Amino acid sequence: QFFERANEAIDAGLFWRGNLAKAVRQKDFKGTLSGI
């Protein structure tokens, strides 16, 4: 349940780059790295 809720939060676009799960699948870490 915890991981399911976390994935929903990530997919909901709570990070700078929008959809983090999609960015990880495309190996696009620029937005995540700049945010960090």
Full PDB file with SEQRES, HELIX, SHEET, SSBOND, CRYST1, ORIGX, SCALE, CONECT and MASTER records, all heavy atoms in Angstrom:
SEQRES   1 A   36  GLN PHE PHE GLU ARG ALA ASN GLU ALA ILE ASP ALA GLY          
SEQRES   2 A   36  LEU PHE TRP ARG GLY ASN LEU ALA LYS ALA VAL ARG GLN          
SEQRES   3 A   36  LYS ASP PHE LYS GLY THR LEU SER GLY ILE                      
HELIX    1 AA1 PHE A    2  ASP A   11  1                                  10    
HELIX    2 AA2 LEU A   20  ARG A   25  1                                   6    
HELIX    3 AA3 LYS A   30  GLY A   35  1                                   6    
CRYST1    1.000    1.000    1.000  90.00  90.00  90.00 P 1           1          
ORIGX1      1.000000  0.000000  0.000000        0.00000                         
ORIGX2      0.000000  1.000000  0.000000        0.00000                         
ORIGX3      0.000000  0.000000  1.000000        0.00000                         
SCALE1      1.000000  0.000000  0.000000        0.00000                         
SCALE2      0.000000  1.000000  0.000000        0.00000                         
SCALE3      0.000000  0.000000  1.000000        0.00000                         
ATOM      1  N   GLN A   1       0.837  -1.207   0.000  1.00  0.00           N  
ATOM      2  CA  GLN A   1       0.000   0.000   0.000  1.00  0.00           C  
ATOM      3  C   GLN A   1       0.874   1.260   0.000  1.00  0.00           C  
ATOM      4  O   GLN A   1       0.563   2.235  -0.672  1.00  0.00           O  
ATOM      5  CB  GLN A   1      -0.919   0.009   1.227  1.00  0.00           C  
ATOM      6  CG  GLN A   1      -2.062  -0.978   1.143  1.00  0.00           C  
ATOM      7  CD  GLN A   1      -2.911  -0.963   2.402  1.00  0.00           C  
ATOM      8  OE1 GLN A   1      -2.534  -0.367   3.405  1.00  0.00           O  
ATOM      9  NE2 GLN A   1      -4.062  -1.645   2.334  1.00  0.00           N  
ATOM     10  N   PHE A   2       1.978   1.208   0.761  1.00  0.00           N  
ATOM     11  CA  PHE A   2       2.875   2.368   0.813  1.00  0.00           C  
ATOM     12  C   PHE A   2       3.459   2.657  -0.573  1.00  0.00           C  
ATOM     13  O   PHE A   2       3.462   3.807  -1.034  1.00  0.00           O  
ATOM     14  CB  PHE A   2       3.998   2.103   1.827  1.00  0.00           C  
ATOM     15  CG  PHE A   2       5.053   3.171   1.830  1.00  0.00           C  
ATOM     16  CD1 PHE A   2       4.822   4.401   2.429  1.00  0.00           C  
ATOM     17  CD2 PHE A   2       6.284   2.948   1.219  1.00  0.00           C  
ATOM     18  CE1 PHE A   2       5.784   5.380   2.427  1.00  0.00           C  
ATOM     19  CE2 PHE A   2       7.246   3.926   1.205  1.00  0.00           C  
ATOM     20  CZ  PHE A   2       7.006   5.158   1.817  1.00  0.00           C  
ATOM     21  N   PHE A   3       3.979   1.645  -1.242  1.00  0.00           N  
ATOM     22  CA  PHE A   3       4.568   1.857  -2.560  1.00  0.00           C  
ATOM     23  C   PHE A   3       3.524   2.263  -3.587  1.00  0.00           C  
ATOM     24  O   PHE A   3       3.804   3.043  -4.504  1.00  0.00           O  
ATOM     25  CB  PHE A   3       5.335   0.605  -3.024  1.00  0.00           C  
ATOM     26  CG  PHE A   3       6.680   0.473  -2.353  1.00  0.00           C  
ATOM     27  CD1 PHE A   3       6.969  -0.602  -1.535  1.00  0.00           C  
ATOM     28  CD2 PHE A   3       7.659   1.446  -2.544  1.00  0.00           C  
ATOM     29  CE1 PHE A   3       8.198  -0.714  -0.924  1.00  0.00           C  
ATOM     30  CE2 PHE A   3       8.888   1.333  -1.942  1.00  0.00           C  
ATOM     31  CZ  PHE A   3       9.160   0.253  -1.114  1.00  0.00           C  
ATOM     32  N   GLU A   4       2.313   1.718  -3.463  1.00  0.00           N  
ATOM     33  CA  GLU A   4       1.249   2.100  -4.385  1.00  0.00           C  
ATOM     34  C   GLU A   4       0.918   3.588  -4.224  1.00  0.00           C  
ATOM     35  O   GLU A   4       0.793   4.316  -5.203  1.00  0.00           O  
ATOM     36  CB  GLU A   4       0.004   1.245  -4.121  1.00  0.00           C  
ATOM     37  CG  GLU A   4      -1.136   1.512  -5.080  1.00  0.00           C  
ATOM     38  CD  GLU A   4      -2.330   0.627  -4.780  1.00  0.00           C  
ATOM     39  OE1 GLU A   4      -2.136  -0.514  -4.329  1.00  0.00           O  
ATOM     40  OE2 GLU A   4      -3.454   1.110  -5.003  1.00  0.00           O  
ATOM     41  N   ARG A   5       0.803   4.026  -2.980  1.00  0.00           N  
ATOM     42  CA  ARG A   5       0.522   5.453  -2.731  1.00  0.00           C  
ATOM     43  C   ARG A   5       1.693   6.330  -3.196  1.00  0.00           C  
ATOM     44  O   ARG A   5       1.480   7.419  -3.731  1.00  0.00           O  
ATOM     45  CB  ARG A   5       0.289   5.709  -1.241  1.00  0.00           C  
ATOM     46  CG  ARG A   5      -0.859   4.967  -0.665  1.00  0.00           C  
ATOM     47  CD  ARG A   5      -2.104   5.737  -0.836  1.00  0.00           C  
ATOM     48  NE  ARG A   5      -3.213   4.920  -0.362  1.00  0.00           N  
ATOM     49  CZ  ARG A   5      -4.316   5.384   0.070  1.00  0.00           C  
ATOM     50  NH1 ARG A   5      -4.499   6.664   0.090  1.00  0.00           N  
ATOM     51  NH2 ARG A   5      -5.264   4.581   0.467  1.00  0.00           N  
ATOM     52  N   ALA A   6       2.906   5.874  -2.994  1.00  0.00           N  
ATOM     53  CA  ALA A   6       4.076   6.650  -3.428  1.00  0.00           C  
ATOM     54  C   ALA A   6       4.091   6.772  -4.947  1.00  0.00           C  
ATOM     55  O   ALA A   6       4.379   7.858  -5.487  1.00  0.00           O  
ATOM     56  CB  ALA A   6       5.360   5.996  -2.934  1.00  0.00           C  
ATOM     57  N   ASN A   7       3.798   5.698  -5.641  1.00  0.00           N  
ATOM     58  CA  ASN A   7       3.752   5.757  -7.106  1.00  0.00           C  
ATOM     59  C   ASN A   7       2.646   6.693  -7.584  1.00  0.00           C  
ATOM     60  O   ASN A   7       2.814   7.413  -8.569  1.00  0.00           O  
ATOM     61  CB  ASN A   7       3.560   4.356  -7.703  1.00  0.00           C  
ATOM     62  CG  ASN A   7       4.844   3.548  -7.670  1.00  0.00           C  
ATOM     63  OD1 ASN A   7       5.925   4.118  -7.672  1.00  0.00           O  
ATOM     64  ND2 ASN A   7       4.719   2.230  -7.635  1.00  0.00           N  
ATOM     65  N   GLU A   8       1.510   6.684  -6.894  1.00  0.00           N  
ATOM     66  CA  GLU A   8       0.435   7.606  -7.263  1.00  0.00           C  
ATOM     67  C   GLU A   8       0.869   9.059  -7.073  1.00  0.00           C  
ATOM     68  O   GLU A   8       0.575   9.924  -7.898  1.00  0.00           O  
ATOM     69  CB  GLU A   8      -0.817   7.325  -6.417  1.00  0.00           C  
ATOM     70  CG  GLU A   8      -1.545   6.056  -6.778  1.00  0.00           C  
ATOM     71  CD  GLU A   8      -2.689   5.758  -5.825  1.00  0.00           C  
ATOM     72  OE1 GLU A   8      -2.972   6.615  -4.954  1.00  0.00           O  
ATOM     73  OE2 GLU A   8      -3.273   4.676  -5.946  1.00  0.00           O  
ATOM     74  N   ALA A   9       1.585   9.321  -5.970  1.00  0.00           N  
ATOM     75  CA  ALA A   9       2.047  10.685  -5.713  1.00  0.00           C  
ATOM     76  C   ALA A   9       3.071  11.109  -6.752  1.00  0.00           C  
ATOM     77  O   ALA A   9       3.054  12.248  -7.240  1.00  0.00           O  
ATOM     78  CB  ALA A   9       2.654  10.782  -4.313  1.00  0.00           C  
ATOM     79  N   ILE A  10       3.955  10.197  -7.099  1.00  0.00           N  
ATOM     80  CA  ILE A  10       4.966  10.523  -8.112  1.00  0.00           C  
ATOM     81  C   ILE A  10       4.301  10.755  -9.455  1.00  0.00           C  
ATOM     82  O   ILE A  10       4.618  11.711 -10.172  1.00  0.00           O  
ATOM     83  CB  ILE A  10       6.026   9.399  -8.197  1.00  0.00           C  
ATOM     84  CG1 ILE A  10       6.888   9.416  -6.932  1.00  0.00           C  
ATOM     85  CG2 ILE A  10       6.896   9.563  -9.432  1.00  0.00           C  
ATOM     86  CD1 ILE A  10       7.846   8.256  -6.822  1.00  0.00           C  
ATOM     87  N   ASP A  11       3.362   9.882  -9.805  1.00  0.00           N  
ATOM     88  CA  ASP A  11       2.662  10.020 -11.083  1.00  0.00           C  
ATOM     89  C   ASP A  11       1.783  11.263 -11.114  1.00  0.00           C  
ATOM     90  O   ASP A  11       1.457  11.779 -12.167  1.00  0.00           O  
ATOM     91  CB  ASP A  11       1.804   8.777 -11.379  1.00  0.00           C  
ATOM     92  CG  ASP A  11       2.673   7.581 -11.747  1.00  0.00           C  
ATOM     93  OD1 ASP A  11       3.834   7.822 -12.163  1.00  0.00           O  
ATOM     94  OD2 ASP A  11       2.202   6.437 -11.621  1.00  0.00           O  
ATOM     95  N   ALA A  12       1.370  11.744  -9.946  1.00  0.00           N  
ATOM     96  CA  ALA A  12       0.494  12.913  -9.900  1.00  0.00           C  
ATOM     97  C   ALA A  12       1.257  14.196 -10.228  1.00  0.00           C  
ATOM     98  O   ALA A  12       0.655  15.258 -10.344  1.00  0.00           O  
ATOM     99  CB  ALA A  12      -0.150  13.027  -8.524  1.00  0.00           C  
ATOM    100  N   GLY A  13       2.553  14.121 -10.348  1.00  0.00           N  
ATOM    101  CA  GLY A  13       3.330  15.295 -10.758  1.00  0.00           C  
ATOM    102  C   GLY A  13       3.708  16.201  -9.608  1.00  0.00           C  
ATOM    103  O   GLY A  13       3.659  17.426  -9.731  1.00  0.00           O  
ATOM    104  N   LEU A  14       4.086  15.619  -8.483  1.00  0.00           N  
ATOM    105  CA  LEU A  14       4.479  16.428  -7.340  1.00  0.00           C  
ATOM    106  C   LEU A  14       5.942  16.893  -7.438  1.00  0.00           C  
ATOM    107  O   LEU A  14       6.398  17.619  -6.583  1.00  0.00           O  
ATOM    108  CB  LEU A  14       4.276  15.639  -6.039  1.00  0.00           C  
ATOM    109  CG  LEU A  14       2.829  15.293  -5.707  1.00  0.00           C  
ATOM    110  CD1 LEU A  14       2.768  14.456  -4.443  1.00  0.00           C  
ATOM    111  CD2 LEU A  14       2.022  16.564  -5.535  1.00  0.00           C  
ATOM    112  N   PHE A  15       6.657  16.482  -8.455  1.00  0.00           N  
ATOM    113  CA  PHE A  15       8.055  16.885  -8.614  1.00  0.00           C  
ATOM    114  C   PHE A  15       8.167  17.926  -9.710  1.00  0.00           C  
ATOM    115  O   PHE A  15       7.232  18.193 -10.446  1.00  0.00           O  
ATOM    116  CB  PHE A  15       8.921  15.652  -8.929  1.00  0.00           C  
ATOM    117  CG  PHE A  15       9.039  14.731  -7.747  1.00  0.00           C  
ATOM    118  CD1 PHE A  15       8.121  13.722  -7.556  1.00  0.00           C  
ATOM    119  CD2 PHE A  15      10.048  14.885  -6.824  1.00  0.00           C  
ATOM    120  CE1 PHE A  15       8.213  12.878  -6.468  1.00  0.00           C  
ATOM    121  CE2 PHE A  15      10.139  14.046  -5.746  1.00  0.00           C  
ATOM    122  CZ  PHE A  15       9.228  13.037  -5.549  1.00  0.00           C  
ATOM    123  N   TRP A  16       9.346  18.557  -9.800  1.00  0.00           N  
ATOM    124  CA  TRP A  16       9.562  19.676 -10.728  1.00  0.00           C  
ATOM    125  C   TRP A  16       9.360  19.278 -12.180  1.00  0.00           C  
ATOM    126  O   TRP A  16       8.876  20.054 -12.980  1.00  0.00           O  
ATOM    127  CB  TRP A  16      10.996  20.205 -10.577  1.00  0.00           C  
ATOM    128  CG  TRP A  16      11.218  20.859  -9.258  1.00  0.00           C  
ATOM    129  CD1 TRP A  16      10.871  22.103  -8.915  1.00  0.00           C  
ATOM    130  CD2 TRP A  16      11.805  20.275  -8.118  1.00  0.00           C  
ATOM    131  NE1 TRP A  16      11.206  22.346  -7.621  1.00  0.00           N  
ATOM    132  CE2 TRP A  16      11.795  21.223  -7.104  1.00  0.00           C  
ATOM    133  CE3 TRP A  16      12.347  19.019  -7.841  1.00  0.00           C  
ATOM    134  CZ2 TRP A  16      12.302  20.996  -5.854  1.00  0.00           C  
ATOM    135  CZ3 TRP A  16      12.859  18.794  -6.593  1.00  0.00           C  
ATOM    136  CH2 TRP A  16      12.825  19.776  -5.618  1.00  0.00           C  
ATOM    137  N   ARG A  17       9.721  18.114 -12.511  1.00  0.00           N  
ATOM    138  CA  ARG A  17       9.764  17.728 -13.918  1.00  0.00           C  
ATOM    139  C   ARG A  17       8.446  17.095 -14.381  1.00  0.00           C  
ATOM    140  O   ARG A  17       8.344  16.607 -15.491  1.00  0.00           O  
ATOM    141  CB  ARG A  17      10.929  16.771 -14.089  1.00  0.00           C  
ATOM    142  CG  ARG A  17      11.305  16.405 -15.461  1.00  0.00           C  
ATOM    143  CD  ARG A  17      11.841  17.558 -16.228  1.00  0.00           C  
ATOM    144  NE  ARG A  17      11.919  17.112 -17.589  1.00  0.00           N  
ATOM    145  CZ  ARG A  17      12.820  17.440 -18.436  1.00  0.00           C  
ATOM    146  NH1 ARG A  17      13.713  18.311 -18.096  1.00  0.00           N  
ATOM    147  NH2 ARG A  17      12.827  16.973 -19.646  1.00  0.00           N  
ATOM    148  N   GLY A  18       7.462  17.107 -13.533  1.00  0.00           N  
ATOM    149  CA  GLY A  18       6.193  16.521 -13.954  1.00  0.00           C  
ATOM    150  C   GLY A  18       6.088  15.088 -13.496  1.00  0.00           C  
ATOM    151  O   GLY A  18       5.991  14.810 -12.319  1.00  0.00           O  
ATOM    152  N   ASN A  19       6.146  14.171 -14.374  1.00  0.00           N  
ATOM    153  CA  ASN A  19       5.967  12.755 -14.091  1.00  0.00           C  
ATOM    154  C   ASN A  19       7.340  12.106 -13.915  1.00  0.00           C  
ATOM    155  O   ASN A  19       8.039  11.825 -14.883  1.00  0.00           O  
ATOM    156  CB  ASN A  19       5.192  12.104 -15.232  1.00  0.00           C  
ATOM    157  CG  ASN A  19       4.724  10.728 -14.861  1.00  0.00           C  
ATOM    158  OD1 ASN A  19       5.224  10.124 -13.925  1.00  0.00           O  
ATOM    159  ND2 ASN A  19       3.761  10.235 -15.608  1.00  0.00           N  
ATOM    160  N   LEU A  20       7.733  11.829 -12.660  1.00  0.00           N  
ATOM    161  CA  LEU A  20       9.060  11.302 -12.368  1.00  0.00           C  
ATOM    162  C   LEU A  20       9.217   9.866 -12.879  1.00  0.00           C  
ATOM    163  O   LEU A  20      10.275   9.501 -13.386  1.00  0.00           O  
ATOM    164  CB  LEU A  20       9.317  11.359 -10.859  1.00  0.00           C  
ATOM    165  CG  LEU A  20      10.695  10.910 -10.404  1.00  0.00           C  
ATOM    166  CD1 LEU A  20      11.760  11.832 -10.974  1.00  0.00           C  
ATOM    167  CD2 LEU A  20      10.780  10.893  -8.899  1.00  0.00           C  
ATOM    168  N   ALA A  21       8.161   9.076 -12.751  1.00  0.00           N  
ATOM    169  CA  ALA A  21       8.254   7.678 -13.208  1.00  0.00           C  
ATOM    170  C   ALA A  21       8.507   7.624 -14.710  1.00  0.00           C  
ATOM    171  O   ALA A  21       9.305   6.823 -15.196  1.00  0.00           O  
ATOM    172  CB  ALA A  21       6.970   6.933 -12.856  1.00  0.00           C  
ATOM    173  N   LYS A  22       7.874   8.508 -15.441  1.00  0.00           N  
ATOM    174  CA  LYS A  22       8.090   8.558 -16.891  1.00  0.00           C  
ATOM    175  C   LYS A  22       9.511   9.021 -17.212  1.00  0.00           C  
ATOM    176  O   LYS A  22      10.154   8.502 -18.132  1.00  0.00           O  
ATOM    177  CB  LYS A  22       7.065   9.514 -17.499  1.00  0.00           C  
ATOM    178  CG  LYS A  22       7.023   9.523 -18.993  1.00  0.00           C  
ATOM    179  CD  LYS A  22       5.895  10.431 -19.433  1.00  0.00           C  
ATOM    180  CE  LYS A  22       5.817  10.512 -20.923  1.00  0.00           C  
ATOM    181  NZ  LYS A  22       4.787  11.449 -21.357  1.00  0.00           N  
ATOM    182  N   ALA A  23      10.011   9.977 -16.422  1.00  0.00           N  
ATOM    183  CA  ALA A  23      11.369  10.473 -16.639  1.00  0.00           C  
ATOM    184  C   ALA A  23      12.387   9.379 -16.356  1.00  0.00           C  
ATOM    185  O   ALA A  23      13.393   9.260 -17.055  1.00  0.00           O  
ATOM    186  CB  ALA A  23      11.636  11.688 -15.753  1.00  0.00           C  
ATOM    187  N   VAL A  24      12.138   8.570 -15.331  1.00  0.00           N  
ATOM    188  CA  VAL A  24      13.069   7.488 -15.012  1.00  0.00           C  
ATOM    189  C   VAL A  24      13.052   6.443 -16.124  1.00  0.00           C  
ATOM    190  O   VAL A  24      14.103   5.936 -16.526  1.00  0.00           O  
ATOM    191  CB  VAL A  24      12.703   6.856 -13.639  1.00  0.00           C  
ATOM    192  CG1 VAL A  24      13.464   5.565 -13.401  1.00  0.00           C  
ATOM    193  CG2 VAL A  24      12.958   7.849 -12.519  1.00  0.00           C  
ATOM    194  N   ARG A  25      11.878   6.150 -16.674  1.00  0.00           N  
ATOM    195  CA  ARG A  25      11.799   5.180 -17.768  1.00  0.00           C  
ATOM    196  C   ARG A  25      12.529   5.675 -19.000  1.00  0.00           C  
ATOM    197  O   ARG A  25      13.126   4.889 -19.724  1.00  0.00           O  
ATOM    198  CB  ARG A  25      10.331   4.893 -18.110  1.00  0.00           C  
ATOM    199  CG  ARG A  25       9.739   3.826 -17.218  1.00  0.00           C  
ATOM    200  CD  ARG A  25       8.351   3.421 -17.679  1.00  0.00           C  
ATOM    201  NE  ARG A  25       7.441   3.616 -16.555  1.00  0.00           N  
ATOM    202  CZ  ARG A  25       6.475   4.492 -16.503  1.00  0.00           C  
ATOM    203  NH1 ARG A  25       6.198   5.247 -17.532  1.00  0.00           N  
ATOM    204  NH2 ARG A  25       5.719   4.602 -15.434  1.00  0.00           N  
ATOM    205  N   GLN A  26      12.496   6.985 -19.237  1.00  0.00           N  
ATOM    206  CA  GLN A  26      13.168   7.538 -20.415  1.00  0.00           C  
ATOM    207  C   GLN A  26      14.620   7.903 -20.127  1.00  0.00           C  
ATOM    208  O   GLN A  26      15.310   8.416 -20.990  1.00  0.00           O  
ATOM    209  CB  GLN A  26      12.431   8.785 -20.904  1.00  0.00           C  
ATOM    210  CG  GLN A  26      11.044   8.509 -21.415  1.00  0.00           C  
ATOM    211  CD  GLN A  26      10.327   9.789 -21.801  1.00  0.00           C  
ATOM    212  OE1 GLN A  26      10.847  10.884 -21.614  1.00  0.00           O  
ATOM    213  NE2 GLN A  26       9.130   9.642 -22.350  1.00  0.00           N  
ATOM    214  N   LYS A  27      15.051   7.663 -18.893  1.00  0.00           N  
ATOM    215  CA  LYS A  27      16.412   7.990 -18.451  1.00  0.00           C  
ATOM    216  C   LYS A  27      16.712   9.475 -18.653  1.00  0.00           C  
ATOM    217  O   LYS A  27      17.783   9.858 -19.092  1.00  0.00           O  
ATOM    218  CB  LYS A  27      17.436   7.109 -19.154  1.00  0.00           C  
ATOM    219  CG  LYS A  27      17.226   5.664 -18.829  1.00  0.00           C  
ATOM    220  CD  LYS A  27      18.304   4.803 -19.374  1.00  0.00           C  
ATOM    221  CE  LYS A  27      17.936   3.374 -18.992  1.00  0.00           C  
ATOM    222  NZ  LYS A  27      18.919   2.434 -19.200  1.00  0.00           N  
ATOM    223  N   ASP A  28      15.729  10.302 -18.317  1.00  0.00           N  
ATOM    224  CA  ASP A  28      15.881  11.755 -18.403  1.00  0.00           C  
ATOM    225  C   ASP A  28      15.985  12.281 -16.970  1.00  0.00           C  
ATOM    226  O   ASP A  28      14.983  12.546 -16.322  1.00  0.00           O  
ATOM    227  CB  ASP A  28      14.668  12.361 -19.124  1.00  0.00           C  
ATOM    228  CG  ASP A  28      14.827  13.851 -19.331  1.00  0.00           C  
ATOM    229  OD1 ASP A  28      15.967  14.343 -19.193  1.00  0.00           O  
ATOM    230  OD2 ASP A  28      13.823  14.529 -19.595  1.00  0.00           O  
ATOM    231  N   PHE A  29      17.212  12.417 -16.488  1.00  0.00           N  
ATOM    232  CA  PHE A  29      17.452  12.793 -15.095  1.00  0.00           C  
ATOM    233  C   PHE A  29      17.808  14.267 -14.928  1.00  0.00           C  
ATOM    234  O   PHE A  29      18.103  14.694 -13.828  1.00  0.00           O  
ATOM    235  CB  PHE A  29      18.578  11.948 -14.499  1.00  0.00           C  
ATOM    236  CG  PHE A  29      18.262  10.487 -14.462  1.00  0.00           C  
ATOM    237  CD1 PHE A  29      18.895   9.601 -15.308  1.00  0.00           C  
ATOM    238  CD2 PHE A  29      17.315  10.000 -13.575  1.00  0.00           C  
ATOM    239  CE1 PHE A  29      18.607   8.261 -15.263  1.00  0.00           C  
ATOM    240  CE2 PHE A  29      17.021   8.657 -13.535  1.00  0.00           C  
ATOM    241  CZ  PHE A  29      17.664   7.763 -14.379  1.00  0.00           C  
ATOM    242  N   LYS A  30      17.783  15.036 -15.978  1.00  0.00           N  
ATOM    243  CA  LYS A  30      18.191  16.446 -15.875  1.00  0.00           C  
ATOM    244  C   LYS A  30      17.310  17.219 -14.909  1.00  0.00           C  
ATOM    245  O   LYS A  30      17.801  17.946 -14.051  1.00  0.00           O  
ATOM    246  CB  LYS A  30      18.148  17.112 -17.249  1.00  0.00           C  
ATOM    247  CG  LYS A  30      19.204  16.645 -18.192  1.00  0.00           C  
ATOM    248  CD  LYS A  30      19.058  17.365 -19.503  1.00  0.00           C  
ATOM    249  CE  LYS A  30      19.925  16.711 -20.557  1.00  0.00           C  
ATOM    250  NZ  LYS A  30      19.703  17.291 -21.864  1.00  0.00           N  
ATOM    251  N   GLY A  31      16.022  17.068 -15.054  1.00  0.00           N  
ATOM    252  CA  GLY A  31      15.100  17.807 -14.189  1.00  0.00           C  
ATOM    253  C   GLY A  31      15.197  17.358 -12.740  1.00  0.00           C  
ATOM    254  O   GLY A  31      15.201  18.179 -11.814  1.00  0.00           O  
ATOM    255  N   THR A  32      15.303  16.069 -12.543  1.00  0.00           N  
ATOM    256  CA  THR A  32      15.411  15.539 -11.186  1.00  0.00           C  
ATOM    257  C   THR A  32      16.711  15.986 -10.542  1.00  0.00           C  
ATOM    258  O   THR A  32      16.722  16.436  -9.391  1.00  0.00           O  
ATOM    259  CB  THR A  32      15.350  14.005 -11.216  1.00  0.00           C  
ATOM    260  OG1 THR A  32      14.176  13.602 -11.908  1.00  0.00           O  
ATOM    261  CG2 THR A  32      15.360  13.430  -9.815  1.00  0.00           C  
ATOM    262  N   LEU A  33      17.796  15.894 -11.277  1.00  0.00           N  
ATOM    263  CA  LEU A  33      19.099  16.296 -10.754  1.00  0.00           C  
ATOM    264  C   LEU A  33      19.130  17.790 -10.452  1.00  0.00           C  
ATOM    265  O   LEU A  33      19.622  18.201  -9.394  1.00  0.00           O  
ATOM    266  CB  LEU A  33      20.203  15.920 -11.749  1.00  0.00           C  
ATOM    267  CG  LEU A  33      21.631  16.141 -11.274  1.00  0.00           C  
ATOM    268  CD1 LEU A  33      21.905  15.321 -10.025  1.00  0.00           C  
ATOM    269  CD2 LEU A  33      22.608  15.801 -12.369  1.00  0.00           C  
ATOM    270  N   SER A  34      18.581  18.599 -11.349  1.00  0.00           N  
ATOM    271  CA  SER A  34      18.578  20.045 -11.103  1.00  0.00           C  
ATOM    272  C   SER A  34      17.703  20.375  -9.892  1.00  0.00           C  
ATOM    273  O   SER A  34      18.040  21.245  -9.087  1.00  0.00           O  
ATOM    274  CB  SER A  34      18.115  20.805 -12.335  1.00  0.00           C  
ATOM    275  OG  SER A  34      16.787  20.474 -12.650  1.00  0.00           O  
ATOM    276  N   GLY A  35      16.580  19.674  -9.755  1.00  0.00           N  
ATOM    277  CA  GLY A  35      15.724  19.889  -8.584  1.00  0.00           C  
ATOM    278  C   GLY A  35      16.428  19.527  -7.291  1.00  0.00           C  
ATOM    279  O   GLY A  35      16.353  20.258  -6.292  1.00  0.00           O  
ATOM    280  N   ILE A  36      17.133  18.415  -7.300  1.00  0.00           N  
ATOM    281  CA  ILE A  36      17.874  17.992  -6.108  1.00  0.00           C  
ATOM    282  C   ILE A  36      18.993  18.986  -5.798  1.00  0.00           C  
ATOM    283  O   ILE A  36      19.230  19.334  -4.639  1.00  0.00           O  
ATOM    284  CB  ILE A  36      18.411  16.559  -6.290  1.00  0.00           C  
ATOM    285  CG1 ILE A  36      17.249  15.572  -6.271  1.00  0.00           C  
ATOM    286  CG2 ILE A  36      19.430  16.221  -5.216  1.00  0.00           C  
ATOM    287  CD1 ILE A  36      17.629  14.156  -6.609  1.00  0.00           C  
TER     288      ILE A  36                                                      
MASTER        0    0    0    3    0    0    0    6  287    1    0    3          
END                                                                             
